[in-house]
């Protein structure tokens, strides 16, 4: 500080009283500190879609494994795309040289129950296997939604195998003991939203793809499924601060197309919330049973509860879920 300015302070800056001058000086310093943030460029907006459920949402589709453990590669993505019609239907999956693509404007965040966080651009590997040989509904869902909305996208997967809506995901408003995986799901969503501070993350939609464990309990879980799903919709919207959050429900996929009555009851319960007047404009039910492929044409013939690991099934499920979401989420 030079002597002239010091002398000015000692004199109270001319005609200003000393206290008034120092208060004015402090206010100016504070304003100087605040102005840069006040006029900073707004953060870029990113639309966030939550993909929740159990093992079929975790992702069981096989990319390129072969040999006797994978039915000689039948029904893998590599085999599916050998058909010209299928390759033309899903051109975004490979480049002109035949290499697998990633989608940089679509980020994925998936925290498996065991293992490190898996995060990065949309592609393979966001499954519990920790490799690049498997994928889930997020693959085609992410491509389709990004094509339709022309916005940066974040997909947050919250899925764990062997979990029921009746107990594990039980929403708080359903009564009884709240499910620990409901709270874990909300916690992981919030963590993913806060992880990238450079984005203005806006939750734009929620996908629910689950049902196997409840179907295995026709005495208790199936009769409650519709009510519990309605509670789930209300509670997720409340806890994420989005009262009209678009909600897409994927039908239980698997070899239960001509299933016993209890499995059909579960499917009816999954479809019922979307038919309620209160959800008419914000909830969609997506049938998926037509996407089931024969076990002998799939890499995991003994895994009916995982859609036999068939890649085409998972692409079609992801596509159907994405189309339903685009009906609810207008272009931004």
C-alpha atoms as a PDB file:
ATOM      1  CA  UNK A   1       0.000   0.000   0.000  1.00  0.00           C
ATOM      2  CA  UNK A   2       1.575   3.330  -1.037  1.00  0.00           C
ATOM      3  CA  UNK A   3       1.991   6.280   1.316  1.00  0.00           C
ATOM      4  CA  UNK A   4      -0.617   8.455  -0.440  1.00  0.00           C
ATOM      5  CA  UNK A   5      -3.320   5.801  -0.018  1.00  0.00           C
ATOM      6  CA  UNK A   6      -2.253   5.219   3.623  1.00  0.00           C
ATOM      7  CA  UNK A   7      -2.494   8.914   4.329  1.00  0.00           C
ATOM      8  CA  UNK A   8      -5.899   8.986   2.712  1.00  0.00           C
ATOM      9  CA  UNK A   9      -7.030   6.230   5.062  1.00  0.00           C
ATOM     10  CA  UNK A  10      -5.650   8.099   8.049  1.00  0.00           C
ATOM     11  CA  UNK A  11      -7.585  11.227   7.029  1.00  0.00           C
ATOM     12  CA  UNK A  12     -10.799   9.200   6.531  1.00  0.00           C
ATOM     13  CA  UNK A  13     -10.520   9.478   2.748  1.00  0.00           C
ATOM     14  CA  UNK A  14     -11.131  13.205   2.504  1.00  0.00           C
ATOM     15  CA  UNK A  15     -14.644  14.172   3.402  1.00  0.00           C
ATOM     16  CA  UNK A  16     -15.811  10.598   4.265  1.00  0.00           C
ATOM     17  CA  UNK A  17     -15.771   9.594   7.925  1.00  0.00           C
ATOM     18  CA  UNK A  18     -13.235   6.861   8.519  1.00  0.00           C
ATOM     19  CA  UNK A  19     -15.840   4.203   9.451  1.00  0.00           C
ATOM     20  CA  UNK A  20     -17.983   4.980   6.386  1.00  0.00           C
ATOM     21  CA  UNK A  21     -15.005   4.784   4.093  1.00  0.00           C
ATOM     22  CA  UNK A  22     -13.825   1.429   5.458  1.00  0.00           C
ATOM     23  CA  UNK A  23     -17.349   0.002   5.244  1.00  0.00           C
ATOM     24  CA  UNK A  24     -17.569   1.159   1.635  1.00  0.00           C
ATOM     25  CA  UNK A  25     -14.168  -0.354   0.914  1.00  0.00           C
ATOM     26  CA  UNK A  26     -15.263  -3.695   2.410  1.00  0.00           C
ATOM     27  CA  UNK A  27     -18.458  -3.716   0.388  1.00  0.00           C
ATOM     28  CA  UNK A  28     -16.498  -3.051  -2.779  1.00  0.00           C
ATOM     29  CA  UNK A  29     -14.159  -5.958  -2.017  1.00  0.00           C
ATOM     30  CA  UNK A  30     -17.106  -8.255  -1.386  1.00  0.00           C
ATOM     31  CA  UNK A  31     -18.750  -7.163  -4.631  1.00  0.00           C
ATOM     32  CA  UNK A  32     -15.544  -7.833  -6.518  1.00  0.00           C
ATOM     33  CA  UNK A  33     -15.466 -11.354  -5.088  1.00  0.00           C
ATOM     34  CA  UNK A  34     -19.108 -12.076  -5.894  1.00  0.00           C
ATOM     35  CA  UNK A  35     -19.294 -10.582  -9.380  1.00  0.00           C
ATOM     36  CA  UNK A  36     -17.293 -13.291 -11.197  1.00  0.00           C
ATOM     37  CA  UNK A  37     -19.611 -16.062  -9.979  1.00  0.00           C
ATOM     38  CA  UNK A  38     -22.699 -13.929 -10.517  1.00  0.00           C
ATOM     39  CA  UNK A  39     -21.804 -13.429 -14.155  1.00  0.00           C
ATOM     40  CA  UNK A  40     -20.281 -16.878 -14.735  1.00  0.00           C
ATOM     41  CA  UNK A  41     -21.575 -18.859 -17.697  1.00  0.00           C
ATOM     42  CA  UNK A  42     -24.393 -21.238 -16.722  1.00  0.00           C
ATOM     43  CA  UNK A  43     -23.537 -24.913 -16.453  1.00  0.00           C
ATOM     44  CA  UNK A  44     -24.488 -27.004 -19.466  1.00  0.00           C
ATOM     45  CA  UNK A  45     -27.692 -28.949 -18.973  1.00  0.00           C
ATOM     46  CA  UNK A  46     -27.645 -32.734 -18.921  1.00  0.00           C
ATOM     47  CA  UNK A  47     -30.729 -34.944 -18.820  1.00  0.00           C
ATOM     48  CA  UNK A  48     -30.577 -37.829 -16.355  1.00  0.00           C
ATOM     49  CA  UNK A  49     -32.459 -41.101 -16.737  1.00  0.00           C
ATOM     50  CA  UNK A  50     -32.538 -43.682 -13.958  1.00  0.00           C
ATOM     51  CA  UNK A  51     -32.596 -47.356 -14.975  1.00  0.00           C
ATOM     52  CA  UNK A  52     -33.657 -49.441 -11.966  1.00  0.00           C
ATOM     53  CA  UNK A  53     -34.528 -53.055 -11.299  1.00  0.00           C
ATOM     54  CA  UNK A  54     -32.931 -56.434 -10.721  1.00  0.00           C
ATOM     55  CA  UNK A  55     -30.693 -58.790 -12.698  1.00  0.00           C
ATOM     56  CA  UNK A  56     -32.332 -58.282 -16.091  1.00  0.00           C
ATOM     57  CA  UNK A  57     -31.681 -54.538 -15.709  1.00  0.00           C
ATOM     58  CA  UNK A  58     -28.128 -55.262 -14.522  1.00  0.00           C
ATOM     59  CA  UNK A  59     -27.492 -56.660 -17.990  1.00  0.00           C
ATOM     60  CA  UNK A  60     -27.074 -60.265 -19.089  1.00  0.00           C
ATOM     61  CA  UNK A  61     -26.802 -59.935 -22.873  1.00  0.00           C
ATOM     62  CA  UNK A  62     -23.658 -61.482 -24.358  1.00  0.00           C
ATOM     63  CA  UNK A  63     -21.557 -59.511 -26.837  1.00  0.00           C
ATOM     64  CA  UNK A  64     -19.081 -61.918 -28.391  1.00  0.00           C
ATOM     65  CA  UNK A  65     -18.370 -64.945 -26.196  1.00  0.00           C
ATOM     66  CA  UNK A  66     -18.497 -68.375 -27.829  1.00  0.00           C
ATOM     67  CA  UNK A  67     -17.526 -71.971 -27.155  1.00  0.00           C
ATOM     68  CA  UNK A  68     -19.497 -74.634 -25.328  1.00  0.00           C
ATOM     69  CA  UNK A  69     -20.235 -72.356 -22.366  1.00  0.00           C
ATOM     70  CA  UNK A  70     -22.060 -69.921 -24.666  1.00  0.00           C
ATOM     71  CA  UNK A  71     -23.829 -72.264 -27.078  1.00  0.00           C
ATOM     72  CA  UNK A  72     -21.142 -71.671 -29.727  1.00  0.00           C
ATOM     73  CA  UNK A  73     -21.960 -67.964 -29.829  1.00  0.00           C
ATOM     74  CA  UNK A  74     -25.589 -68.306 -30.909  1.00  0.00           C
ATOM     75  CA  UNK A  75     -27.623 -65.229 -30.073  1.00  0.00           C
ATOM     76  CA  UNK A  76     -24.659 -63.063 -29.146  1.00  0.00           C
ATOM     77  CA  UNK A  77     -24.500 -59.507 -30.435  1.00  0.00           C
ATOM     78  CA  UNK A  78     -21.706 -60.473 -32.799  1.00  0.00           C
ATOM     79  CA  UNK A  79     -23.859 -63.224 -34.292  1.00  0.00           C
ATOM     80  CA  UNK A  80     -27.013 -61.084 -34.423  1.00  0.00           C
ATOM     81  CA  UNK A  81     -25.253 -58.344 -36.403  1.00  0.00           C
ATOM     82  CA  UNK A  82     -24.013 -60.813 -38.988  1.00  0.00           C
ATOM     83  CA  UNK A  83     -27.496 -60.613 -40.484  1.00  0.00           C
ATOM     84  CA  UNK A  84     -27.642 -57.622 -42.858  1.00  0.00           C
ATOM     85  CA  UNK A  85     -31.139 -56.590 -41.744  1.00  0.00           C
ATOM     86  CA  UNK A  86     -30.085 -56.485 -38.096  1.00  0.00           C
ATOM     87  CA  UNK A  87     -26.864 -54.661 -38.887  1.00  0.00           C
ATOM     88  CA  UNK A  88     -28.889 -52.040 -40.760  1.00  0.00           C
ATOM     89  CA  UNK A  89     -31.317 -51.713 -37.858  1.00  0.00           C
ATOM     90  CA  UNK A  90     -28.570 -51.013 -35.305  1.00  0.00           C
ATOM     91  CA  UNK A  91     -25.907 -49.115 -37.286  1.00  0.00           C
ATOM     92  CA  UNK A  92     -24.830 -47.055 -34.271  1.00  0.00           C
ATOM     93  CA  UNK A  93     -23.209 -50.062 -32.605  1.00  0.00           C
ATOM     94  CA  UNK A  94     -20.241 -50.408 -35.008  1.00  0.00           C
ATOM     95  CA  UNK A  95     -18.200 -48.090 -37.174  1.00  0.00           C
ATOM     96  CA  UNK A  96     -17.343 -48.566 -40.837  1.00  0.00           C
ATOM     97  CA  UNK A  97     -14.364 -50.745 -39.893  1.00  0.00           C
ATOM     98  CA  UNK A  98     -16.560 -53.013 -37.793  1.00  0.00           C
ATOM     99  CA  UNK A  99     -15.212 -51.768 -34.458  1.00  0.00           C
ATOM    100  CA  UNK A 100     -17.566 -51.340 -31.512  1.00  0.00           C
ATOM    101  CA  UNK A 101     -18.561 -47.730 -30.923  1.00  0.00           C
ATOM    102  CA  UNK A 102     -18.991 -45.777 -27.714  1.00  0.00           C
ATOM    103  CA  UNK A 103     -21.271 -42.741 -27.392  1.00  0.00           C
ATOM    104  CA  UNK A 104     -19.386 -39.863 -25.739  1.00  0.00           C
ATOM    105  CA  UNK A 105     -22.438 -37.619 -25.216  1.00  0.00           C
ATOM    106  CA  UNK A 106     -24.164 -40.389 -23.236  1.00  0.00           C
ATOM    107  CA  UNK A 107     -22.504 -41.083 -19.895  1.00  0.00           C
ATOM    108  CA  UNK A 108     -23.311 -44.108 -17.740  1.00  0.00           C
ATOM    109  CA  UNK A 109     -22.876 -44.498 -13.983  1.00  0.00           C
ATOM    110  CA  UNK A 110     -23.365 -47.938 -12.465  1.00  0.00           C
ATOM    111  CA  UNK A 111     -22.388 -49.052  -8.967  1.00  0.00           C
ATOM    112  CA  UNK A 112     -22.535 -52.849  -8.703  1.00  0.00           C
ATOM    113  CA  UNK A 113     -23.266 -54.413  -5.361  1.00  0.00           C
ATOM    114  CA  UNK A 114     -19.702 -55.701  -5.288  1.00  0.00           C
ATOM    115  CA  UNK A 115     -16.884 -53.988  -7.108  1.00  0.00           C
ATOM    116  CA  UNK A 116     -15.897 -50.498  -8.142  1.00  0.00           C
ATOM    117  CA  UNK A 117     -18.079 -47.856  -9.743  1.00  0.00           C
ATOM    118  CA  UNK A 118     -18.341 -48.300 -13.493  1.00  0.00           C
ATOM    119  CA  UNK A 119     -18.603 -44.935 -15.221  1.00  0.00           C
ATOM    120  CA  UNK A 120     -17.880 -43.734 -18.737  1.00  0.00           C
ATOM    121  CA  UNK A 121     -19.340 -43.238 -22.210  1.00  0.00           C
ATOM    122  CA  UNK A 122     -22.154 -45.519 -23.315  1.00  0.00           C
ATOM    123  CA  UNK A 123     -20.887 -48.859 -24.535  1.00  0.00           C
ATOM    124  CA  UNK A 124     -20.351 -52.325 -23.087  1.00  0.00           C
ATOM    125  CA  UNK A 125     -19.359 -53.260 -19.559  1.00  0.00           C
ATOM    126  CA  UNK A 126     -21.901 -51.554 -17.302  1.00  0.00           C
ATOM    127  CA  UNK A 127     -22.862 -54.885 -15.752  1.00  0.00           C
ATOM    128  CA  UNK A 128     -21.756 -56.886 -12.696  1.00  0.00           C
ATOM    129  CA  UNK A 129     -19.328 -58.904 -14.821  1.00  0.00           C
ATOM    130  CA  UNK A 130     -16.700 -56.187 -15.024  1.00  0.00           C
ATOM    131  CA  UNK A 131     -15.858 -56.961 -18.644  1.00  0.00           C
ATOM    132  CA  UNK A 132     -16.707 -55.733 -22.126  1.00  0.00           C
ATOM    133  CA  UNK A 133     -18.555 -58.913 -23.067  1.00  0.00           C
ATOM    134  CA  UNK A 134     -21.988 -58.065 -21.608  1.00  0.00           C
ATOM    135  CA  UNK A 135     -24.550 -55.282 -21.748  1.00  0.00           C
ATOM    136  CA  UNK A 136     -28.057 -54.445 -20.586  1.00  0.00           C
ATOM    137  CA  UNK A 137     -31.070 -52.423 -21.738  1.00  0.00           C
ATOM    138  CA  UNK A 138     -29.043 -49.227 -21.272  1.00  0.00           C
ATOM    139  CA  UNK A 139     -27.213 -49.769 -24.579  1.00  0.00           C
ATOM    140  CA  UNK A 140     -30.082 -49.294 -27.037  1.00  0.00           C
ATOM    141  CA  UNK A 141     -32.073 -47.119 -24.620  1.00  0.00           C
ATOM    142  CA  UNK A 142     -29.186 -44.640 -24.438  1.00  0.00           C
ATOM    143  CA  UNK A 143     -28.693 -44.477 -28.199  1.00  0.00           C
ATOM    144  CA  UNK A 144     -32.381 -44.031 -28.894  1.00  0.00           C
ATOM    145  CA  UNK A 145     -33.011 -41.353 -26.259  1.00  0.00           C
ATOM    146  CA  UNK A 146     -29.905 -39.400 -27.276  1.00  0.00           C
ATOM    147  CA  UNK A 147     -31.002 -39.488 -30.919  1.00  0.00           C
ATOM    148  CA  UNK A 148     -34.457 -38.256 -29.960  1.00  0.00           C
ATOM    149  CA  UNK A 149     -33.554 -35.500 -27.509  1.00  0.00           C
ATOM    150  CA  UNK A 150     -30.271 -34.143 -28.930  1.00  0.00           C
ATOM    151  CA  UNK A 151     -28.977 -33.395 -25.427  1.00  0.00           C
ATOM    152  CA  UNK A 152     -26.124 -34.694 -23.284  1.00  0.00           C
ATOM    153  CA  UNK A 153     -27.442 -37.680 -21.317  1.00  0.00           C
ATOM    154  CA  UNK A 154     -26.502 -39.401 -18.057  1.00  0.00           C
ATOM    155  CA  UNK A 155     -27.829 -42.902 -17.402  1.00  0.00           C
ATOM    156  CA  UNK A 156     -27.771 -43.942 -13.758  1.00  0.00           C
ATOM    157  CA  UNK A 157     -28.185 -47.694 -13.330  1.00  0.00           C
ATOM    158  CA  UNK A 158     -29.379 -48.850  -9.911  1.00  0.00           C
ATOM    159  CA  UNK A 159     -29.962 -52.590 -10.220  1.00  0.00           C
ATOM    160  CA  UNK A 160     -29.162 -55.633  -8.130  1.00  0.00           C
ATOM    161  CA  UNK A 161     -29.936 -59.277  -8.839  1.00  0.00           C
ATOM    162  CA  UNK A 162     -32.465 -61.253  -6.847  1.00  0.00           C
ATOM    163  CA  UNK A 163     -34.392 -58.305  -5.396  1.00  0.00           C
ATOM    164  CA  UNK A 164     -38.149 -58.004  -4.928  1.00  0.00           C
ATOM    165  CA  UNK A 165     -40.408 -54.977  -4.872  1.00  0.00           C
ATOM    166  CA  UNK A 166     -42.377 -56.645  -2.082  1.00  0.00           C
ATOM    167  CA  UNK A 167     -39.409 -56.609   0.320  1.00  0.00           C
ATOM    168  CA  UNK A 168     -36.030 -55.370  -1.001  1.00  0.00           C
ATOM    169  CA  UNK A 169     -37.263 -52.295  -2.916  1.00  0.00           C
ATOM    170  CA  UNK A 170     -40.345 -51.802  -0.737  1.00  0.00           C
ATOM    171  CA  UNK A 171     -41.178 -48.073  -0.897  1.00  0.00           C
ATOM    172  CA  UNK A 172     -41.655 -46.261   2.435  1.00  0.00           C
ATOM    173  CA  UNK A 173     -45.269 -45.248   1.784  1.00  0.00           C
ATOM    174  CA  UNK A 174     -46.277 -48.888   1.223  1.00  0.00           C
ATOM    175  CA  UNK A 175     -46.217 -49.542   4.967  1.00  0.00           C
ATOM    176  CA  UNK A 176     -44.288 -52.220   6.746  1.00  0.00           C
ATOM    177  CA  UNK A 177     -40.507 -52.227   6.816  1.00  0.00           C
ATOM    178  CA  UNK A 178     -39.056 -50.040   4.016  1.00  0.00           C
ATOM    179  CA  UNK A 179     -36.803 -51.957   1.675  1.00  0.00           C
ATOM    180  CA  UNK A 180     -33.078 -51.310   2.125  1.00  0.00           C
ATOM    181  CA  UNK A 181     -32.565 -51.302  -1.636  1.00  0.00           C
ATOM    182  CA  UNK A 182     -35.114 -48.543  -2.078  1.00  0.00           C
ATOM    183  CA  UNK A 183     -32.975 -46.292   0.112  1.00  0.00           C
ATOM    184  CA  UNK A 184     -29.793 -47.551  -1.560  1.00  0.00           C
ATOM    185  CA  UNK A 185     -31.282 -46.704  -4.948  1.00  0.00           C
ATOM    186  CA  UNK A 186     -32.153 -43.136  -3.939  1.00  0.00           C
ATOM    187  CA  UNK A 187     -28.736 -42.680  -2.331  1.00  0.00           C
ATOM    188  CA  UNK A 188     -26.903 -43.831  -5.457  1.00  0.00           C
ATOM    189  CA  UNK A 189     -28.988 -41.589  -7.689  1.00  0.00           C
ATOM    190  CA  UNK A 190     -28.170 -38.566  -5.537  1.00  0.00           C
ATOM    191  CA  UNK A 191     -24.485 -39.479  -5.495  1.00  0.00           C
ATOM    192  CA  UNK A 192     -24.389 -39.737  -9.284  1.00  0.00           C
ATOM    193  CA  UNK A 193     -26.127 -36.373  -9.666  1.00  0.00           C
ATOM    194  CA  UNK A 194     -23.579 -34.716  -7.395  1.00  0.00           C
ATOM    195  CA  UNK A 195     -20.504 -36.429  -8.844  1.00  0.00           C
ATOM    196  CA  UNK A 196     -20.017 -34.164 -11.885  1.00  0.00           C
ATOM    197  CA  UNK A 197     -20.239 -30.593 -10.657  1.00  0.00           C
ATOM    198  CA  UNK A 198     -19.644 -29.109 -14.112  1.00  0.00           C
ATOM    199  CA  UNK A 199     -23.116 -30.232 -15.252  1.00  0.00           C
ATOM    200  CA  UNK A 200     -26.583 -28.958 -14.474  1.00  0.00           C
ATOM    201  CA  UNK A 201     -28.020 -32.459 -14.012  1.00  0.00           C
ATOM    202  CA  UNK A 202     -31.797 -32.629 -14.415  1.00  0.00           C
ATOM    203  CA  UNK A 203     -33.634 -35.867 -13.667  1.00  0.00           C
ATOM    204  CA  UNK A 204     -35.808 -36.407 -16.732  1.00  0.00           C
ATOM    205  CA  UNK A 205     -37.128 -39.970 -16.475  1.00  0.00           C
ATOM    206  CA  UNK A 206     -37.200 -43.246 -14.537  1.00  0.00           C
ATOM    207  CA  UNK A 207     -37.313 -46.799 -15.933  1.00  0.00           C
ATOM    208  CA  UNK A 208     -38.417 -49.784 -13.813  1.00  0.00           C
ATOM    209  CA  UNK A 209     -37.550 -53.241 -15.217  1.00  0.00           C
ATOM    210  CA  UNK A 210     -38.067 -55.906 -12.558  1.00  0.00           C
ATOM    211  CA  UNK A 211     -40.424 -58.640 -11.428  1.00  0.00           C
ATOM    212  CA  UNK A 212     -38.852 -62.085 -11.290  1.00  0.00           C
ATOM    213  CA  UNK A 213     -38.506 -62.322  -7.500  1.00  0.00           C
ATOM    214  CA  UNK A 214     -42.047 -61.093  -6.884  1.00  0.00           C
ATOM    215  CA  UNK A 215     -43.383 -63.619  -9.378  1.00  0.00           C
ATOM    216  CA  UNK A 216     -41.728 -66.362  -7.348  1.00  0.00           C
ATOM    217  CA  UNK A 217     -43.945 -65.400  -4.389  1.00  0.00           C
ATOM    218  CA  UNK A 218     -47.503 -65.574  -5.772  1.00  0.00           C
ATOM    219  CA  UNK A 219     -49.048 -65.816  -2.328  1.00  0.00           C
ATOM    220  CA  UNK A 220     -47.688 -62.544  -0.916  1.00  0.00           C
ATOM    221  CA  UNK A 221     -45.788 -60.435  -3.437  1.00  0.00           C
ATOM    222  CA  UNK A 222     -47.997 -60.728  -6.523  1.00  0.00           C
ATOM    223  CA  UNK A 223     -51.249 -59.552  -4.849  1.00  0.00           C
ATOM    224  CA  UNK A 224     -49.411 -56.466  -3.560  1.00  0.00           C
ATOM    225  CA  UNK A 225     -47.418 -55.716  -6.684  1.00  0.00           C
ATOM    226  CA  UNK A 226     -49.703 -53.110  -8.249  1.00  0.00           C
ATOM    227  CA  UNK A 227     -50.107 -51.157  -5.009  1.00  0.00           C
ATOM    228  CA  UNK A 228     -46.390 -51.340  -4.258  1.00  0.00           C
ATOM    229  CA  UNK A 229     -45.541 -50.118  -7.747  1.00  0.00           C
ATOM    230  CA  UNK A 230     -47.883 -47.154  -7.337  1.00  0.00           C
ATOM    231  CA  UNK A 231     -46.198 -46.345  -4.025  1.00  0.00           C
ATOM    232  CA  UNK A 232     -42.811 -46.648  -5.735  1.00  0.00           C
ATOM    233  CA  UNK A 233     -43.780 -44.065  -8.359  1.00  0.00           C
ATOM    234  CA  UNK A 234     -45.032 -41.606  -5.732  1.00  0.00           C
ATOM    235  CA  UNK A 235     -42.047 -42.093  -3.417  1.00  0.00           C
ATOM    236  CA  UNK A 236     -39.403 -41.820  -6.131  1.00  0.00           C
ATOM    237  CA  UNK A 237     -40.985 -38.608  -7.377  1.00  0.00           C
ATOM    238  CA  UNK A 238     -41.084 -37.197  -3.862  1.00  0.00           C
ATOM    239  CA  UNK A 239     -37.521 -38.169  -2.973  1.00  0.00           C
ATOM    240  CA  UNK A 240     -36.091 -36.862  -6.245  1.00  0.00           C
ATOM    241  CA  UNK A 241     -38.122 -33.643  -6.073  1.00  0.00           C
ATOM    242  CA  UNK A 242     -39.856 -34.309  -9.399  1.00  0.00           C
ATOM    243  CA  UNK A 243     -43.636 -34.629  -8.862  1.00  0.00           C
ATOM    244  CA  UNK A 244     -44.386 -35.401 -12.533  1.00  0.00           C
ATOM    245  CA  UNK A 245     -41.287 -37.453 -13.299  1.00  0.00           C
ATOM    246  CA  UNK A 246     -41.914 -39.645 -16.391  1.00  0.00           C
ATOM    247  CA  UNK A 247     -41.993 -43.299 -15.370  1.00  0.00           C
ATOM    248  CA  UNK A 248     -41.646 -46.266 -17.764  1.00  0.00           C
ATOM    249  CA  UNK A 249     -42.441 -49.798 -16.574  1.00  0.00           C
ATOM    250  CA  UNK A 250     -40.924 -52.682 -18.511  1.00  0.00           C
ATOM    251  CA  UNK A 251     -42.868 -55.943 -18.509  1.00  0.00           C
ATOM    252  CA  UNK A 252     -41.175 -58.993 -17.059  1.00  0.00           C
ATOM    253  CA  UNK A 253     -39.341 -60.590 -19.975  1.00  0.00           C
ATOM    254  CA  UNK A 254     -38.474 -64.269 -20.027  1.00  0.00           C
ATOM    255  CA  UNK A 255     -39.847 -67.628 -21.117  1.00  0.00           C
ATOM    256  CA  UNK A 256     -43.139 -66.968 -19.375  1.00  0.00           C
ATOM    257  CA  UNK A 257     -45.073 -65.908 -22.475  1.00  0.00           C
ATOM    258  CA  UNK A 258     -47.652 -68.653 -21.961  1.00  0.00           C
ATOM    259  CA  UNK A 259     -47.102 -68.742 -18.229  1.00  0.00           C
ATOM    260  CA  UNK A 260     -49.183 -70.135 -15.379  1.00  0.00           C
ATOM    261  CA  UNK A 261     -51.854 -67.847 -13.994  1.00  0.00           C
ATOM    262  CA  UNK A 262     -49.690 -66.422 -11.196  1.00  0.00           C
ATOM    263  CA  UNK A 263     -47.107 -65.115 -13.650  1.00  0.00           C
ATOM    264  CA  UNK A 264     -49.825 -63.600 -15.774  1.00  0.00           C
ATOM    265  CA  UNK A 265     -51.198 -61.953 -12.632  1.00  0.00           C
ATOM    266  CA  UNK A 266     -47.809 -60.347 -12.089  1.00  0.00           C
ATOM    267  CA  UNK A 267     -47.763 -58.999 -15.641  1.00  0.00           C
ATOM    268  CA  UNK A 268     -51.246 -57.558 -15.222  1.00  0.00           C
ATOM    269  CA  UNK A 269     -50.112 -55.912 -11.982  1.00  0.00           C
ATOM    270  CA  UNK A 270     -47.140 -54.366 -13.790  1.00  0.00           C
ATOM    271  CA  UNK A 271     -49.400 -52.894 -16.465  1.00  0.00           C
ATOM    272  CA  UNK A 272     -52.142 -51.638 -14.150  1.00  0.00           C
ATOM    273  CA  UNK A 273     -50.541 -48.402 -12.810  1.00  0.00           C
ATOM    274  CA  UNK A 274     -50.150 -46.945 -16.301  1.00  0.00           C
ATOM    275  CA  UNK A 275     -53.905 -47.339 -16.816  1.00  0.00           C
ATOM    276  CA  UNK A 276     -54.787 -45.224 -13.784  1.00  0.00           C
ATOM    277  CA  UNK A 277     -56.147 -41.754 -14.592  1.00  0.00           C
ATOM    278  CA  UNK A 278     -53.643 -40.088 -12.254  1.00  0.00           C
ATOM    279  CA  UNK A 279     -50.750 -41.472 -14.336  1.00  0.00           C
ATOM    280  CA  UNK A 280     -52.274 -41.122 -17.801  1.00  0.00           C
ATOM    281  CA  UNK A 281     -49.794 -38.525 -19.057  1.00  0.00           C
ATOM    282  CA  UNK A 282     -46.712 -39.537 -17.104  1.00  0.00           C
ATOM    283  CA  UNK A 283     -46.480 -43.350 -16.869  1.00  0.00           C
ATOM    284  CA  UNK A 284     -46.111 -45.935 -19.647  1.00  0.00           C
ATOM    285  CA  UNK A 285     -46.151 -49.724 -19.555  1.00  0.00           C
ATOM    286  CA  UNK A 286     -43.981 -51.497 -22.149  1.00  0.00           C
ATOM    287  CA  UNK A 287     -44.840 -55.072 -23.189  1.00  0.00           C
ATOM    288  CA  UNK A 288     -41.701 -57.117 -23.835  1.00  0.00           C
ATOM    289  CA  UNK A 289     -42.841 -60.745 -24.054  1.00  0.00           C
ATOM    290  CA  UNK A 290     -42.643 -60.761 -27.864  1.00  0.00           C
ATOM    291  CA  UNK A 291     -38.901 -60.125 -27.650  1.00  0.00           C
ATOM    292  CA  UNK A 292     -38.145 -63.546 -26.149  1.00  0.00           C
ATOM    293  CA  UNK A 293     -35.994 -65.727 -28.402  1.00  0.00           C
ATOM    294  CA  UNK A 294     -35.675 -69.503 -28.312  1.00  0.00           C
ATOM    295  CA  UNK A 295     -33.173 -70.893 -25.805  1.00  0.00           C
ATOM    296  CA  UNK A 296     -31.470 -72.972 -28.485  1.00  0.00           C
ATOM    297  CA  UNK A 297     -30.819 -69.755 -30.423  1.00  0.00           C
ATOM    298  CA  UNK A 298     -29.276 -68.002 -27.427  1.00  0.00           C
ATOM    299  CA  UNK A 299     -25.917 -68.030 -25.638  1.00  0.00           C
ATOM    300  CA  UNK A 300     -27.319 -69.138 -22.249  1.00  0.00           C
ATOM    301  CA  UNK A 301     -30.059 -71.715 -22.984  1.00  0.00           C
ATOM    302  CA  UNK A 302     -30.539 -72.551 -19.302  1.00  0.00           C
ATOM    303  CA  UNK A 303     -31.008 -68.967 -18.105  1.00  0.00           C
ATOM    304  CA  UNK A 304     -34.635 -68.226 -18.861  1.00  0.00           C
ATOM    305  CA  UNK A 305     -34.787 -65.759 -15.974  1.00  0.00           C
ATOM    306  CA  UNK A 306     -32.050 -63.770 -17.777  1.00  0.00           C
ATOM    307  CA  UNK A 307     -33.705 -63.862 -21.200  1.00  0.00           C
ATOM    308  CA  UNK A 308     -31.197 -66.587 -22.146  1.00  0.00           C
ATOM    309  CA  UNK A 309     -28.556 -63.847 -22.482  1.00  0.00           C
ATOM    310  CA  UNK A 310     -29.900 -63.152 -25.967  1.00  0.00           C
ATOM    311  CA  UNK A 311     -28.499 -59.908 -27.389  1.00  0.00           C
ATOM    312  CA  UNK A 312     -31.413 -59.246 -29.722  1.00  0.00           C
ATOM    313  CA  UNK A 313     -33.847 -59.488 -26.804  1.00  0.00           C
ATOM    314  CA  UNK A 314     -31.925 -56.885 -24.843  1.00  0.00           C
ATOM    315  CA  UNK A 315     -31.623 -54.534 -27.808  1.00  0.00           C
ATOM    316  CA  UNK A 316     -35.367 -54.727 -28.422  1.00  0.00           C
ATOM    317  CA  UNK A 317     -36.171 -54.218 -24.742  1.00  0.00           C
ATOM    318  CA  UNK A 318     -33.918 -51.151 -24.579  1.00  0.00           C
ATOM    319  CA  UNK A 319     -35.433 -49.794 -27.771  1.00  0.00           C
ATOM    320  CA  UNK A 320     -39.012 -50.250 -26.527  1.00  0.00           C
ATOM    321  CA  UNK A 321     -38.218 -48.617 -23.185  1.00  0.00           C
ATOM    322  CA  UNK A 322     -36.561 -45.717 -24.995  1.00  0.00           C
ATOM    323  CA  UNK A 323     -39.490 -45.184 -27.348  1.00  0.00           C
ATOM    324  CA  UNK A 324     -41.902 -45.087 -24.411  1.00  0.00           C
ATOM    325  CA  UNK A 325     -39.699 -42.560 -22.629  1.00  0.00           C
ATOM    326  CA  UNK A 326     -39.582 -40.308 -25.674  1.00  0.00           C
ATOM    327  CA  UNK A 327     -43.387 -40.234 -25.665  1.00  0.00           C
ATOM    328  CA  UNK A 328     -43.231 -38.713 -22.181  1.00  0.00           C
ATOM    329  CA  UNK A 329     -40.179 -36.454 -22.435  1.00  0.00           C
ATOM    330  CA  UNK A 330     -40.473 -33.683 -25.022  1.00  0.00           C
ATOM    331  CA  UNK A 331     -37.342 -32.414 -26.779  1.00  0.00           C
ATOM    332  CA  UNK A 332     -35.494 -29.877 -24.643  1.00  0.00           C
END
